[in-house]
């Protein structure tokens, strides 16, 4: 059996992943990038909070960091349990490509 592989841009795969059931690889990579940038912003905010020596601000930003880390860990655990789906599978599910009924 020969598997057809179409070249799909990452942006199209992420948009498709937002509409179809399951999570594909490019969507997960985009989420990891968003969490990385969020973590970078919160690290800068935490550094500024420490430099201002305002304990309430440090507590507030520390709580935001805790929420972000917890959300990322739970999302990673959930995706490790359900697994990723391929972009081609999502396209077949949404009837964007002909379905060969061999699955």
N, C-alpha and C. Protein backbone atom coordinates (compact mmCIF):
# COMPACT_ATOMS: atom_id res chain seq x y z
N UNK A 1 0.84 -1.18 0.00
CA UNK A 1 0.00 0.00 0.00
C UNK A 1 0.88 1.24 0.00
N UNK A 2 0.62 2.10 -0.88
CA UNK A 2 1.38 3.33 -0.98
C UNK A 2 0.60 4.44 -0.32
N UNK A 3 1.27 5.15 0.60
CA UNK A 3 0.59 6.22 1.32
C UNK A 3 0.85 7.54 0.63
N UNK A 4 -0.21 8.28 0.35
CA UNK A 4 -0.08 9.59 -0.28
C UNK A 4 0.24 10.62 0.78
N UNK A 5 1.26 11.43 0.52
CA UNK A 5 1.62 12.48 1.47
C UNK A 5 1.56 13.81 0.75
N UNK A 6 0.70 14.69 1.24
CA UNK A 6 0.58 16.00 0.63
C UNK A 6 1.40 17.00 1.44
N UNK A 7 1.96 17.99 0.73
CA UNK A 7 2.68 19.05 1.41
C UNK A 7 1.68 20.09 1.88
N UNK A 8 1.57 20.21 3.19
CA UNK A 8 0.62 21.14 3.80
C UNK A 8 1.43 22.11 4.64
N UNK A 9 1.15 23.40 4.49
CA UNK A 9 1.88 24.40 5.27
C UNK A 9 1.54 24.26 6.75
N UNK A 10 2.46 24.72 7.59
CA UNK A 10 2.24 24.63 9.03
C UNK A 10 1.05 25.47 9.46
N UNK A 11 0.88 26.64 8.86
CA UNK A 11 -0.24 27.50 9.22
C UNK A 11 -1.57 26.82 8.89
N UNK A 12 -1.64 26.19 7.74
CA UNK A 12 -2.87 25.49 7.35
C UNK A 12 -3.12 24.29 8.27
N UNK A 13 -2.04 23.60 8.67
CA UNK A 13 -2.19 22.46 9.57
C UNK A 13 -2.67 22.90 10.94
N UNK A 14 -2.19 24.06 11.42
CA UNK A 14 -2.63 24.57 12.73
C UNK A 14 -4.09 24.98 12.67
N UNK A 15 -4.49 25.64 11.60
CA UNK A 15 -5.90 26.02 11.45
C UNK A 15 -6.79 24.79 11.33
N UNK A 16 -6.32 23.79 10.61
CA UNK A 16 -7.06 22.55 10.48
C UNK A 16 -7.17 21.86 11.84
N UNK A 17 -6.07 21.90 12.62
CA UNK A 17 -6.08 21.30 13.95
C UNK A 17 -7.04 21.98 14.90
N UNK A 18 -7.30 23.27 14.67
CA UNK A 18 -8.24 23.99 15.51
C UNK A 18 -9.68 23.60 15.19
N UNK A 19 -9.93 23.16 13.98
CA UNK A 19 -11.29 22.84 13.56
C UNK A 19 -11.63 21.36 13.67
N UNK A 20 -10.64 20.49 13.49
CA UNK A 20 -10.89 19.05 13.50
C UNK A 20 -10.68 18.48 14.90
N UNK A 21 -11.17 17.28 15.10
CA UNK A 21 -10.96 16.63 16.39
C UNK A 21 -9.53 16.10 16.47
N UNK A 22 -8.98 16.07 17.66
CA UNK A 22 -7.62 15.63 17.86
C UNK A 22 -6.63 16.77 17.72
N UNK A 23 -5.37 16.48 18.01
CA UNK A 23 -4.30 17.47 17.94
C UNK A 23 -3.24 16.93 17.01
N UNK A 24 -2.86 17.72 16.00
CA UNK A 24 -1.80 17.29 15.10
C UNK A 24 -0.46 17.88 15.55
N UNK A 25 0.62 17.41 14.95
CA UNK A 25 1.96 17.83 15.33
C UNK A 25 2.21 19.32 15.21
N UNK A 26 1.89 19.95 14.08
CA UNK A 26 2.11 21.39 13.97
C UNK A 26 1.32 22.22 14.98
N UNK A 27 0.12 21.78 15.33
CA UNK A 27 -0.67 22.50 16.33
C UNK A 27 0.00 22.39 17.70
N UNK A 28 0.51 21.22 18.04
CA UNK A 28 1.19 21.02 19.31
C UNK A 28 2.48 21.85 19.35
N UNK A 29 3.19 21.93 18.24
CA UNK A 29 4.40 22.76 18.19
C UNK A 29 4.05 24.24 18.36
N UNK A 30 2.95 24.69 17.78
CA UNK A 30 2.52 26.08 17.94
C UNK A 30 2.15 26.36 19.40
N UNK A 31 1.47 25.40 20.05
CA UNK A 31 1.13 25.57 21.46
C UNK A 31 2.37 25.62 22.33
N UNK A 32 3.35 24.76 22.05
CA UNK A 32 4.58 24.79 22.83
C UNK A 32 5.31 26.11 22.64
N UNK A 33 5.32 26.64 21.43
CA UNK A 33 5.94 27.94 21.18
C UNK A 33 5.23 29.06 21.93
N UNK A 34 3.91 29.01 21.95
CA UNK A 34 3.13 30.02 22.68
C UNK A 34 3.42 29.94 24.18
N UNK A 35 3.51 28.73 24.72
CA UNK A 35 3.83 28.59 26.13
C UNK A 35 5.26 29.04 26.42
N UNK A 36 6.18 28.80 25.51
CA UNK A 36 7.55 29.25 25.69
C UNK A 36 7.62 30.77 25.74
N UNK A 37 6.92 31.44 24.82
CA UNK A 37 6.90 32.90 24.82
C UNK A 37 6.19 33.45 26.06
N UNK A 38 5.12 32.79 26.50
CA UNK A 38 4.44 33.19 27.71
C UNK A 38 5.36 33.05 28.92
N UNK A 39 6.10 31.96 28.97
CA UNK A 39 7.05 31.75 30.06
C UNK A 39 8.15 32.80 30.06
N UNK A 40 8.62 33.18 28.88
CA UNK A 40 9.64 34.22 28.77
C UNK A 40 9.12 35.56 29.27
N UNK A 41 7.90 35.91 28.87
CA UNK A 41 7.27 37.16 29.33
C UNK A 41 7.08 37.16 30.84
N UNK A 42 6.63 36.02 31.38
CA UNK A 42 6.42 35.95 32.83
C UNK A 42 7.73 35.98 33.58
N UNK A 43 8.80 35.41 33.01
CA UNK A 43 10.11 35.47 33.66
C UNK A 43 10.62 36.91 33.72
N UNK A 44 10.41 37.66 32.64
CA UNK A 44 10.80 39.07 32.64
C UNK A 44 9.96 39.84 33.66
N UNK A 45 8.66 39.56 33.71
CA UNK A 45 7.79 40.23 34.68
C UNK A 45 8.20 39.88 36.12
N UNK A 46 8.59 38.63 36.34
CA UNK A 46 9.02 38.21 37.67
C UNK A 46 10.31 38.92 38.05
N UNK A 47 11.22 39.05 37.09
CA UNK A 47 12.46 39.79 37.35
C UNK A 47 12.19 41.25 37.68
N UNK A 48 11.27 41.87 36.95
CA UNK A 48 10.91 43.26 37.25
C UNK A 48 10.21 43.38 38.60
N UNK A 49 9.41 42.39 38.94
CA UNK A 49 8.73 42.43 40.24
C UNK A 49 9.73 42.31 41.38
N UNK A 50 10.75 41.45 41.21
CA UNK A 50 11.78 41.34 42.24
C UNK A 50 12.60 42.62 42.34
N UNK A 51 12.88 43.25 41.19
CA UNK A 51 13.68 44.48 41.22
C UNK A 51 12.90 45.65 41.83
N UNK A 52 11.58 45.63 41.75
CA UNK A 52 10.79 46.70 42.36
C UNK A 52 10.59 46.46 43.85
N UNK A 53 10.94 45.29 44.31
CA UNK A 53 10.81 44.87 45.72
C UNK A 53 9.40 45.07 46.27
N UNK A 54 8.43 44.79 45.44
CA UNK A 54 7.02 44.83 45.86
C UNK A 54 6.57 43.38 46.06
N UNK A 55 6.37 42.99 47.31
CA UNK A 55 6.06 41.59 47.62
C UNK A 55 4.71 41.16 47.05
N UNK A 56 3.75 42.06 47.01
CA UNK A 56 2.45 41.70 46.46
C UNK A 56 2.54 41.43 44.95
N UNK A 57 3.36 42.21 44.26
CA UNK A 57 3.55 42.00 42.82
C UNK A 57 4.30 40.70 42.55
N UNK A 58 5.30 40.40 43.38
CA UNK A 58 6.04 39.14 43.24
C UNK A 58 5.10 37.96 43.47
N UNK A 59 4.24 38.06 44.46
CA UNK A 59 3.27 37.00 44.73
C UNK A 59 2.30 36.82 43.57
N UNK A 60 1.82 37.93 43.01
CA UNK A 60 0.87 37.87 41.90
C UNK A 60 1.50 37.23 40.66
N UNK A 61 2.69 37.68 40.29
CA UNK A 61 3.36 37.13 39.10
C UNK A 61 3.79 35.68 39.36
N UNK A 62 4.19 35.38 40.57
CA UNK A 62 4.53 33.99 40.91
C UNK A 62 3.33 33.07 40.76
N UNK A 63 2.16 33.55 41.14
CA UNK A 63 0.93 32.77 40.97
C UNK A 63 0.62 32.56 39.48
N UNK A 64 0.85 33.59 38.65
CA UNK A 64 0.66 33.44 37.20
C UNK A 64 1.63 32.41 36.62
N UNK A 65 2.86 32.40 37.10
CA UNK A 65 3.84 31.40 36.65
C UNK A 65 3.38 30.01 37.05
N UNK A 66 2.88 29.87 38.27
CA UNK A 66 2.37 28.57 38.74
C UNK A 66 1.19 28.09 37.89
N UNK A 67 0.27 28.99 37.56
CA UNK A 67 -0.87 28.62 36.72
C UNK A 67 -0.40 28.18 35.34
N UNK A 68 0.54 28.93 34.75
CA UNK A 68 1.05 28.59 33.42
C UNK A 68 1.75 27.24 33.41
N UNK A 69 2.61 27.00 34.40
CA UNK A 69 3.33 25.73 34.47
C UNK A 69 2.37 24.56 34.66
N UNK A 70 1.37 24.75 35.51
CA UNK A 70 0.38 23.69 35.74
C UNK A 70 -0.41 23.40 34.48
N UNK A 71 -0.84 24.44 33.79
CA UNK A 71 -1.60 24.25 32.55
C UNK A 71 -0.76 23.52 31.50
N UNK A 72 0.51 23.90 31.35
CA UNK A 72 1.36 23.23 30.37
C UNK A 72 1.58 21.76 30.74
N UNK A 73 1.84 21.48 32.01
CA UNK A 73 2.05 20.09 32.42
C UNK A 73 0.80 19.24 32.23
N UNK A 74 -0.37 19.79 32.56
CA UNK A 74 -1.61 19.04 32.36
C UNK A 74 -1.90 18.81 30.88
N UNK A 75 -1.63 19.81 30.06
CA UNK A 75 -1.85 19.65 28.63
C UNK A 75 -0.89 18.62 28.04
N UNK A 76 0.36 18.64 28.47
CA UNK A 76 1.34 17.64 28.01
C UNK A 76 0.93 16.24 28.43
N UNK A 77 0.48 16.10 29.68
CA UNK A 77 0.05 14.79 30.15
C UNK A 77 -1.15 14.30 29.35
N UNK A 78 -2.12 15.19 29.12
CA UNK A 78 -3.32 14.81 28.38
C UNK A 78 -2.96 14.36 26.96
N UNK A 79 -2.08 15.09 26.30
CA UNK A 79 -1.70 14.70 24.93
C UNK A 79 -0.87 13.42 24.91
N UNK A 80 -0.11 13.16 25.97
CA UNK A 80 0.61 11.89 26.02
C UNK A 80 -0.35 10.72 26.19
N UNK A 81 -1.50 10.96 26.81
CA UNK A 81 -2.49 9.90 26.99
C UNK A 81 -3.29 9.64 25.72
N UNK A 82 -3.67 10.70 25.01
CA UNK A 82 -4.52 10.49 23.83
C UNK A 82 -3.71 10.36 22.55
N UNK A 83 -2.51 10.93 22.51
CA UNK A 83 -1.67 10.85 21.32
C UNK A 83 -2.04 11.90 20.29
N UNK A 84 -1.16 12.05 19.33
CA UNK A 84 -1.36 13.01 18.24
C UNK A 84 -1.97 12.30 17.04
N UNK A 85 -2.70 13.04 16.25
CA UNK A 85 -3.24 12.50 15.01
C UNK A 85 -2.53 13.18 13.85
N UNK A 86 -2.55 12.54 12.71
CA UNK A 86 -1.90 13.12 11.54
C UNK A 86 -2.80 14.16 10.88
N UNK A 87 -2.17 15.05 10.16
CA UNK A 87 -2.91 16.08 9.44
C UNK A 87 -3.78 15.43 8.37
N UNK A 88 -3.26 14.39 7.72
CA UNK A 88 -4.02 13.69 6.69
C UNK A 88 -5.29 13.06 7.25
N UNK A 89 -5.19 12.51 8.46
CA UNK A 89 -6.37 11.92 9.10
C UNK A 89 -7.42 12.99 9.38
N UNK A 90 -6.97 14.15 9.84
CA UNK A 90 -7.92 15.24 10.10
C UNK A 90 -8.56 15.73 8.81
N UNK A 91 -7.79 15.76 7.73
CA UNK A 91 -8.34 16.20 6.45
C UNK A 91 -9.37 15.20 5.94
N UNK A 92 -9.09 13.90 6.09
CA UNK A 92 -10.07 12.88 5.68
C UNK A 92 -11.33 12.97 6.53
N UNK A 93 -11.15 13.26 7.83
CA UNK A 93 -12.30 13.35 8.73
C UNK A 93 -13.21 14.51 8.35
N UNK A 94 -12.64 15.59 7.87
CA UNK A 94 -13.43 16.77 7.48
C UNK A 94 -13.81 16.74 6.00
N UNK A 95 -13.54 15.63 5.32
CA UNK A 95 -13.85 15.44 3.90
C UNK A 95 -13.19 16.49 3.02
N UNK A 96 -11.94 16.82 3.32
CA UNK A 96 -11.18 17.74 2.48
C UNK A 96 -10.37 17.00 1.42
N UNK A 97 -10.19 15.70 1.61
CA UNK A 97 -9.53 14.85 0.62
C UNK A 97 -10.44 13.62 0.41
N UNK A 98 -10.31 12.97 -0.72
CA UNK A 98 -11.14 11.77 -0.95
C UNK A 98 -10.84 10.69 0.08
N UNK A 99 -11.87 10.09 0.61
CA UNK A 99 -11.73 9.03 1.60
C UNK A 99 -11.65 7.69 0.88
N UNK A 100 -10.57 6.91 1.15
CA UNK A 100 -10.39 5.64 0.43
C UNK A 100 -11.01 4.45 1.17
N UNK A 101 -11.58 4.63 2.33
CA UNK A 101 -12.28 3.60 3.10
C UNK A 101 -11.41 2.38 3.38
N UNK A 102 -10.10 2.56 3.51
CA UNK A 102 -9.21 1.42 3.80
C UNK A 102 -8.84 1.35 5.27
N UNK A 103 -9.33 2.25 6.08
CA UNK A 103 -8.94 2.24 7.49
C UNK A 103 -9.82 1.30 8.27
